[in-house]
Amino acid sequence: GRVVDFDDAALRGKGCRVAITFDDGYLDNLEVAAPILGELGLPFTVFVTSEFVRHGKAGFLSPNALRALAALPGVQIGAHGANHVALTQCDQATLRNELASSRHYLEDVLGREVRTLAYPYGAANRRVRNAALATGYQLGACSLAGINPLERDPLLLARTEIVSFDSARVFAQKLHGDWDWYRWRTQDPACF
């Protein structure tokens, strides 16, 4: 882990914003990421697979660790499905259960509303998006790469993956949208 000091006047001038997110609910989100991001004053969201927490899966947040993470300044908790399955492959009843049980379990543990979702494997389509809306979610992130224009459907937000071996140059390129060509490798879930 290295921290890249990045200040880009061109992005600030456009009113661009960056959201830092983590999927699955790994314990290192609390033990490693939270201290670094907290020290830098950077807010972030952790999308948690509820059954990993419920069943104490090794390497993942426990209910107590989840509450400790959620109590930190600038930390938001979102859902990542109940069992980390591709929601596009679920029948309607399973889809509803994956979305609702994940949200309700996290709300019970945290004592507050959970209205954000990252689709496991980024797998989403219009049917999954509509089920998420019907289940009470207000924001959903899929695997479409890229920057989101203001008119983007908030339940089908694109994300750009930043990985540990990205150089400062590649990081800056990704923030500018120079890697948005990756979006052409997958179909936009808003279209099917």
C-alpha atoms as a PDB file:
ATOM      1  CA  GLY A   1       0.000   0.000   0.000  1.00  0.00           C
ATOM      2  CA  ARG A   2       1.070   3.401  -1.023  1.00  0.00           C
ATOM      3  CA  VAL A   3      -0.883   6.607  -0.878  1.00  0.00           C
ATOM      4  CA  VAL A   4      -0.757   8.720  -4.008  1.00  0.00           C
ATOM      5  CA  ASP A   5      -0.945  12.458  -3.418  1.00  0.00           C
ATOM      6  CA  PHE A   6      -3.138  13.629  -6.261  1.00  0.00           C
ATOM      7  CA  ASP A   7      -4.530  17.087  -6.782  1.00  0.00           C
ATOM      8  CA  ASP A   8      -5.988  17.849 -10.174  1.00  0.00           C
ATOM      9  CA  ALA A   9      -7.265  21.361 -10.811  1.00  0.00           C
ATOM     10  CA  ALA A  10      -8.860  20.295 -14.097  1.00  0.00           C
ATOM     11  CA  LEU A  11     -11.102  17.792 -12.308  1.00  0.00           C
ATOM     12  CA  ARG A  12     -11.956  20.234  -9.530  1.00  0.00           C
ATOM     13  CA  GLY A  13     -12.872  22.844 -12.124  1.00  0.00           C
ATOM     14  CA  LYS A  14     -15.394  20.437 -13.676  1.00  0.00           C
ATOM     15  CA  GLY A  15     -17.037  19.702 -10.332  1.00  0.00           C
ATOM     16  CA  CYS A  16     -15.983  16.041 -10.547  1.00  0.00           C
ATOM     17  CA  ARG A  17     -16.287  13.879  -7.482  1.00  0.00           C
ATOM     18  CA  VAL A  18     -14.717  10.556  -6.639  1.00  0.00           C
ATOM     19  CA  ALA A  19     -16.313   7.898  -4.460  1.00  0.00           C
ATOM     20  CA  ILE A  20     -14.077   5.311  -2.816  1.00  0.00           C
ATOM     21  CA  THR A  21     -15.779   1.932  -2.493  1.00  0.00           C
ATOM     22  CA  PHE A  22     -14.891  -1.573  -1.389  1.00  0.00           C
ATOM     23  CA  ASP A  23     -16.917  -4.709  -2.098  1.00  0.00           C
ATOM     24  CA  ASP A  24     -17.626  -7.856  -0.067  1.00  0.00           C
ATOM     25  CA  GLY A  25     -16.939  -6.645   3.489  1.00  0.00           C
ATOM     26  CA  TYR A  26     -13.414  -7.862   4.128  1.00  0.00           C
ATOM     27  CA  LEU A  27     -12.019  -7.369   7.631  1.00  0.00           C
ATOM     28  CA  ASP A  28      -9.071  -5.424   6.173  1.00  0.00           C
ATOM     29  CA  ASN A  29     -11.523  -2.661   5.254  1.00  0.00           C
ATOM     30  CA  LEU A  30     -11.642  -1.931   9.002  1.00  0.00           C
ATOM     31  CA  GLU A  31      -8.078  -2.857   9.935  1.00  0.00           C
ATOM     32  CA  VAL A  32      -6.126  -1.429   6.976  1.00  0.00           C
ATOM     33  CA  ALA A  33      -8.196   0.869   4.758  1.00  0.00           C
ATOM     34  CA  ALA A  34     -10.141   2.734   7.452  1.00  0.00           C
ATOM     35  CA  PRO A  35      -7.087   4.031   9.367  1.00  0.00           C
ATOM     36  CA  ILE A  36      -5.413   5.267   6.171  1.00  0.00           C
ATOM     37  CA  LEU A  37      -8.514   6.864   4.683  1.00  0.00           C
ATOM     38  CA  GLY A  38      -9.566   8.267   8.061  1.00  0.00           C
ATOM     39  CA  GLU A  39      -6.188   9.923   8.519  1.00  0.00           C
ATOM     40  CA  LEU A  40      -6.545  11.480   5.072  1.00  0.00           C
ATOM     41  CA  GLY A  41     -10.127  12.567   5.783  1.00  0.00           C
ATOM     42  CA  LEU A  42     -11.463  10.590   2.807  1.00  0.00           C
ATOM     43  CA  PRO A  43     -14.970   9.159   3.126  1.00  0.00           C
ATOM     44  CA  PHE A  44     -15.664   5.702   1.703  1.00  0.00           C
ATOM     45  CA  THR A  45     -18.356   3.066   1.352  1.00  0.00           C
ATOM     46  CA  VAL A  46     -18.070  -0.651   2.050  1.00  0.00           C
ATOM     47  CA  PHE A  47     -20.613  -2.857   0.279  1.00  0.00           C
ATOM     48  CA  VAL A  48     -21.116  -5.880   2.541  1.00  0.00           C
ATOM     49  CA  THR A  49     -22.262  -9.407   1.698  1.00  0.00           C
ATOM     50  CA  SER A  50     -24.626 -10.023   4.605  1.00  0.00           C
ATOM     51  CA  GLU A  51     -24.331 -13.813   4.888  1.00  0.00           C
ATOM     52  CA  PHE A  52     -20.537 -13.535   5.187  1.00  0.00           C
ATOM     53  CA  VAL A  53     -21.130 -11.411   8.296  1.00  0.00           C
ATOM     54  CA  ARG A  54     -23.988 -13.518   9.647  1.00  0.00           C
ATOM     55  CA  HIS A  55     -22.004 -16.769   9.419  1.00  0.00           C
ATOM     56  CA  GLY A  56     -18.641 -15.383  10.538  1.00  0.00           C
ATOM     57  CA  LYS A  57     -16.810 -16.204   7.319  1.00  0.00           C
ATOM     58  CA  ALA A  58     -13.045 -16.054   7.892  1.00  0.00           C
ATOM     59  CA  GLY A  59     -11.429 -12.844   6.692  1.00  0.00           C
ATOM     60  CA  PHE A  60     -14.686 -10.904   6.641  1.00  0.00           C
ATOM     61  CA  LEU A  61     -16.305  -8.442   9.037  1.00  0.00           C
ATOM     62  CA  SER A  62     -18.139  -9.838  12.057  1.00  0.00           C
ATOM     63  CA  PRO A  63     -21.264  -8.058  13.328  1.00  0.00           C
ATOM     64  CA  ASN A  64     -19.150  -6.234  15.947  1.00  0.00           C
ATOM     65  CA  ALA A  65     -16.472  -5.292  13.407  1.00  0.00           C
ATOM     66  CA  LEU A  66     -19.181  -4.092  11.018  1.00  0.00           C
ATOM     67  CA  ARG A  67     -20.658  -1.859  13.718  1.00  0.00           C
ATOM     68  CA  ALA A  68     -17.163  -0.529  14.574  1.00  0.00           C
ATOM     69  CA  LEU A  69     -16.504   0.270  10.905  1.00  0.00           C
ATOM     70  CA  ALA A  70     -19.897   1.938  10.444  1.00  0.00           C
ATOM     71  CA  ALA A  71     -19.278   4.105  13.519  1.00  0.00           C
ATOM     72  CA  LEU A  72     -16.164   5.693  12.013  1.00  0.00           C
ATOM     73  CA  PRO A  73     -16.486   9.212  10.564  1.00  0.00           C
ATOM     74  CA  GLY A  74     -17.007   9.223   6.809  1.00  0.00           C
ATOM     75  CA  VAL A  75     -17.853   5.535   6.504  1.00  0.00           C
ATOM     76  CA  GLN A  76     -21.044   4.341   4.816  1.00  0.00           C
ATOM     77  CA  ILE A  77     -22.229   0.747   4.635  1.00  0.00           C
ATOM     78  CA  GLY A  78     -24.082  -0.575   1.624  1.00  0.00           C
ATOM     79  CA  ALA A  79     -25.395  -3.997   0.655  1.00  0.00           C
ATOM     80  CA  HIS A  80     -23.683  -6.474  -1.658  1.00  0.00           C
ATOM     81  CA  GLY A  81     -26.386  -9.126  -1.774  1.00  0.00           C
ATOM     82  CA  ALA A  82     -27.015 -11.834   0.771  1.00  0.00           C
ATOM     83  CA  ASN A  83     -24.906 -14.657  -0.691  1.00  0.00           C
ATOM     84  CA  HIS A  84     -22.715 -12.937  -3.298  1.00  0.00           C
ATOM     85  CA  VAL A  85     -24.421 -14.467  -6.319  1.00  0.00           C
ATOM     86  CA  ALA A  86     -24.838 -12.963  -9.783  1.00  0.00           C
ATOM     87  CA  LEU A  87     -28.280 -11.379  -9.459  1.00  0.00           C
ATOM     88  CA  THR A  88     -28.896 -11.524 -13.209  1.00  0.00           C
ATOM     89  CA  GLN A  89     -28.901 -15.327 -12.914  1.00  0.00           C
ATOM     90  CA  CYS A  90     -31.491 -15.453 -10.106  1.00  0.00           C
ATOM     91  CA  ASP A  91     -35.165 -16.230 -10.563  1.00  0.00           C
ATOM     92  CA  GLN A  92     -37.496 -13.485  -9.370  1.00  0.00           C
ATOM     93  CA  ALA A  93     -38.091 -14.916  -5.869  1.00  0.00           C
ATOM     94  CA  THR A  94     -34.372 -15.477  -5.243  1.00  0.00           C
ATOM     95  CA  LEU A  95     -33.563 -12.014  -6.576  1.00  0.00           C
ATOM     96  CA  ARG A  96     -36.039 -10.376  -4.189  1.00  0.00           C
ATOM     97  CA  ASN A  97     -34.676 -12.417  -1.280  1.00  0.00           C
ATOM     98  CA  GLU A  98     -31.032 -11.589  -2.102  1.00  0.00           C
ATOM     99  CA  LEU A  99     -31.818  -7.877  -2.194  1.00  0.00           C
ATOM    100  CA  ALA A 100     -34.237  -7.652   0.731  1.00  0.00           C
ATOM    101  CA  SER A 101     -32.571 -10.017   3.193  1.00  0.00           C
ATOM    102  CA  SER A 102     -29.181  -8.365   2.692  1.00  0.00           C
ATOM    103  CA  ARG A 103     -30.556  -4.893   3.331  1.00  0.00           C
ATOM    104  CA  HIS A 104     -32.688  -5.935   6.294  1.00  0.00           C
ATOM    105  CA  TYR A 105     -29.897  -7.899   8.001  1.00  0.00           C
ATOM    106  CA  LEU A 106     -27.463  -4.987   7.666  1.00  0.00           C
ATOM    107  CA  GLU A 107     -30.088  -2.557   8.948  1.00  0.00           C
ATOM    108  CA  ASP A 108     -30.743  -4.811  11.954  1.00  0.00           C
ATOM    109  CA  VAL A 109     -27.019  -5.027  12.786  1.00  0.00           C
ATOM    110  CA  LEU A 110     -26.373  -1.317  12.269  1.00  0.00           C
ATOM    111  CA  GLY A 111     -29.630   0.169  13.523  1.00  0.00           C
ATOM    112  CA  ARG A 112     -29.924   2.464  10.498  1.00  0.00           C
ATOM    113  CA  GLU A 113     -31.157   2.417   6.918  1.00  0.00           C
ATOM    114  CA  VAL A 114     -29.130   0.855   4.114  1.00  0.00           C
ATOM    115  CA  ARG A 115     -30.177   2.233   0.735  1.00  0.00           C
ATOM    116  CA  THR A 116     -27.076   1.656  -1.396  1.00  0.00           C
ATOM    117  CA  LEU A 117     -26.040  -1.479  -3.241  1.00  0.00           C
ATOM    118  CA  ALA A 118     -23.153  -2.787  -5.318  1.00  0.00           C
ATOM    119  CA  TYR A 119     -24.356  -5.667  -7.455  1.00  0.00           C
ATOM    120  CA  PRO A 120     -22.237  -8.796  -6.807  1.00  0.00           C
ATOM    121  CA  TYR A 121     -19.877  -9.365  -9.757  1.00  0.00           C
ATOM    122  CA  GLY A 122     -21.296  -6.079 -11.046  1.00  0.00           C
ATOM    123  CA  ALA A 123     -24.041  -8.186 -12.633  1.00  0.00           C
ATOM    124  CA  ALA A 124     -27.057  -6.009 -13.318  1.00  0.00           C
ATOM    125  CA  ASN A 125     -29.689  -5.444 -15.964  1.00  0.00           C
ATOM    126  CA  ARG A 126     -33.023  -3.619 -16.094  1.00  0.00           C
ATOM    127  CA  ARG A 127     -34.829  -6.460 -14.263  1.00  0.00           C
ATOM    128  CA  VAL A 128     -32.282  -6.434 -11.412  1.00  0.00           C
ATOM    129  CA  ARG A 129     -32.322  -2.627 -11.315  1.00  0.00           C
ATOM    130  CA  ASN A 130     -36.120  -2.577 -11.055  1.00  0.00           C
ATOM    131  CA  ALA A 131     -36.055  -5.205  -8.299  1.00  0.00           C
ATOM    132  CA  ALA A 132     -33.495  -3.106  -6.401  1.00  0.00           C
ATOM    133  CA  LEU A 133     -35.742  -0.058  -6.688  1.00  0.00           C
ATOM    134  CA  ALA A 134     -38.779  -2.062  -5.525  1.00  0.00           C
ATOM    135  CA  THR A 135     -36.750  -3.332  -2.554  1.00  0.00           C
ATOM    136  CA  GLY A 136     -35.962   0.205  -1.411  1.00  0.00           C
ATOM    137  CA  TYR A 137     -32.495   0.878  -2.795  1.00  0.00           C
ATOM    138  CA  GLN A 138     -31.741   4.380  -4.035  1.00  0.00           C
ATOM    139  CA  LEU A 139     -28.277   3.863  -5.480  1.00  0.00           C
ATOM    140  CA  GLY A 140     -26.709   0.849  -7.196  1.00  0.00           C
ATOM    141  CA  ALA A 141     -23.253   0.276  -8.675  1.00  0.00           C
ATOM    142  CA  CYS A 142     -22.641  -2.152 -11.518  1.00  0.00           C
ATOM    143  CA  SER A 143     -19.470  -3.247 -13.323  1.00  0.00           C
ATOM    144  CA  LEU A 144     -19.726  -0.922 -16.306  1.00  0.00           C
ATOM    145  CA  ALA A 145     -16.434   0.966 -16.364  1.00  0.00           C
ATOM    146  CA  GLY A 146     -16.373   4.717 -16.536  1.00  0.00           C
ATOM    147  CA  ILE A 147     -17.286   8.099 -15.204  1.00  0.00           C
ATOM    148  CA  ASN A 148     -20.969   8.784 -14.582  1.00  0.00           C
ATOM    149  CA  PRO A 149     -22.603  11.752 -16.296  1.00  0.00           C
ATOM    150  CA  LEU A 150     -25.170  13.612 -14.201  1.00  0.00           C
ATOM    151  CA  GLU A 151     -28.052  11.983 -16.086  1.00  0.00           C
ATOM    152  CA  ARG A 152     -26.845   8.417 -15.339  1.00  0.00           C
ATOM    153  CA  ASP A 153     -29.447   6.195 -13.648  1.00  0.00           C
ATOM    154  CA  PRO A 154     -28.481   6.196  -9.946  1.00  0.00           C
ATOM    155  CA  LEU A 155     -29.332   2.482  -9.730  1.00  0.00           C
ATOM    156  CA  LEU A 156     -26.919   1.588 -12.560  1.00  0.00           C
ATOM    157  CA  LEU A 157     -23.830   3.636 -11.737  1.00  0.00           C
ATOM    158  CA  ALA A 158     -20.573   2.792 -13.467  1.00  0.00           C
ATOM    159  CA  ARG A 159     -17.346   2.351 -11.494  1.00  0.00           C
ATOM    160  CA  THR A 160     -13.683   2.507 -12.397  1.00  0.00           C
ATOM    161  CA  GLU A 161     -11.514  -0.074 -10.711  1.00  0.00           C
ATOM    162  CA  ILE A 162      -8.322   1.204  -9.122  1.00  0.00           C
ATOM    163  CA  VAL A 163      -5.799  -1.523  -8.297  1.00  0.00           C
ATOM    164  CA  SER A 164      -2.651  -1.551  -6.176  1.00  0.00           C
ATOM    165  CA  PHE A 165      -0.287  -1.622  -9.145  1.00  0.00           C
ATOM    166  CA  ASP A 166      -1.789   1.465 -10.839  1.00  0.00           C
ATOM    167  CA  SER A 167       0.892   4.127 -11.118  1.00  0.00           C
ATOM    168  CA  ALA A 168       0.125   7.758 -10.284  1.00  0.00           C
ATOM    169  CA  ARG A 169      -0.092   8.365 -14.069  1.00  0.00           C
ATOM    170  CA  VAL A 170      -2.619   5.563 -14.603  1.00  0.00           C
ATOM    171  CA  PHE A 171      -4.579   6.714 -11.550  1.00  0.00           C
ATOM    172  CA  ALA A 172      -4.788  10.237 -13.011  1.00  0.00           C
ATOM    173  CA  GLN A 173      -5.826   8.806 -16.385  1.00  0.00           C
ATOM    174  CA  LYS A 174      -8.612   6.794 -14.765  1.00  0.00           C
ATOM    175  CA  LEU A 175      -9.864   9.869 -12.906  1.00  0.00           C
ATOM    176  CA  HIS A 176      -9.951  11.792 -16.188  1.00  0.00           C
ATOM    177  CA  GLY A 177     -11.915   9.021 -17.906  1.00  0.00           C
ATOM    178  CA  ASP A 178      -9.055   8.006 -20.180  1.00  0.00           C
ATOM    179  CA  TRP A 179      -9.709   4.347 -19.318  1.00  0.00           C
ATOM    180  CA  ASP A 180     -13.443   4.566 -19.979  1.00  0.00           C
ATOM    181  CA  TRP A 181     -12.858   2.650 -23.218  1.00  0.00           C
ATOM    182  CA  TYR A 182     -13.087  -0.419 -20.945  1.00  0.00           C
ATOM    183  CA  ARG A 183     -16.830   0.129 -20.887  1.00  0.00           C
ATOM    184  CA  TRP A 184     -16.999  -1.144 -24.467  1.00  0.00           C
ATOM    185  CA  ARG A 185     -15.960  -4.606 -23.211  1.00  0.00           C
ATOM    186  CA  THR A 186     -19.284  -5.019 -21.401  1.00  0.00           C
ATOM    187  CA  GLN A 187     -22.845  -4.240 -22.304  1.00  0.00           C
ATOM    188  CA  ASP A 188     -24.413  -1.320 -20.478  1.00  0.00           C
ATOM    189  CA  PRO A 189     -26.974  -2.849 -18.070  1.00  0.00           C
ATOM    190  CA  ALA A 190     -29.273   0.084 -18.760  1.00  0.00           C
ATOM    191  CA  CYS A 191     -29.770  -1.353 -22.267  1.00  0.00           C
ATOM    192  CA  PHE A 192     -30.968  -4.862 -21.421  1.00  0.00           C
END
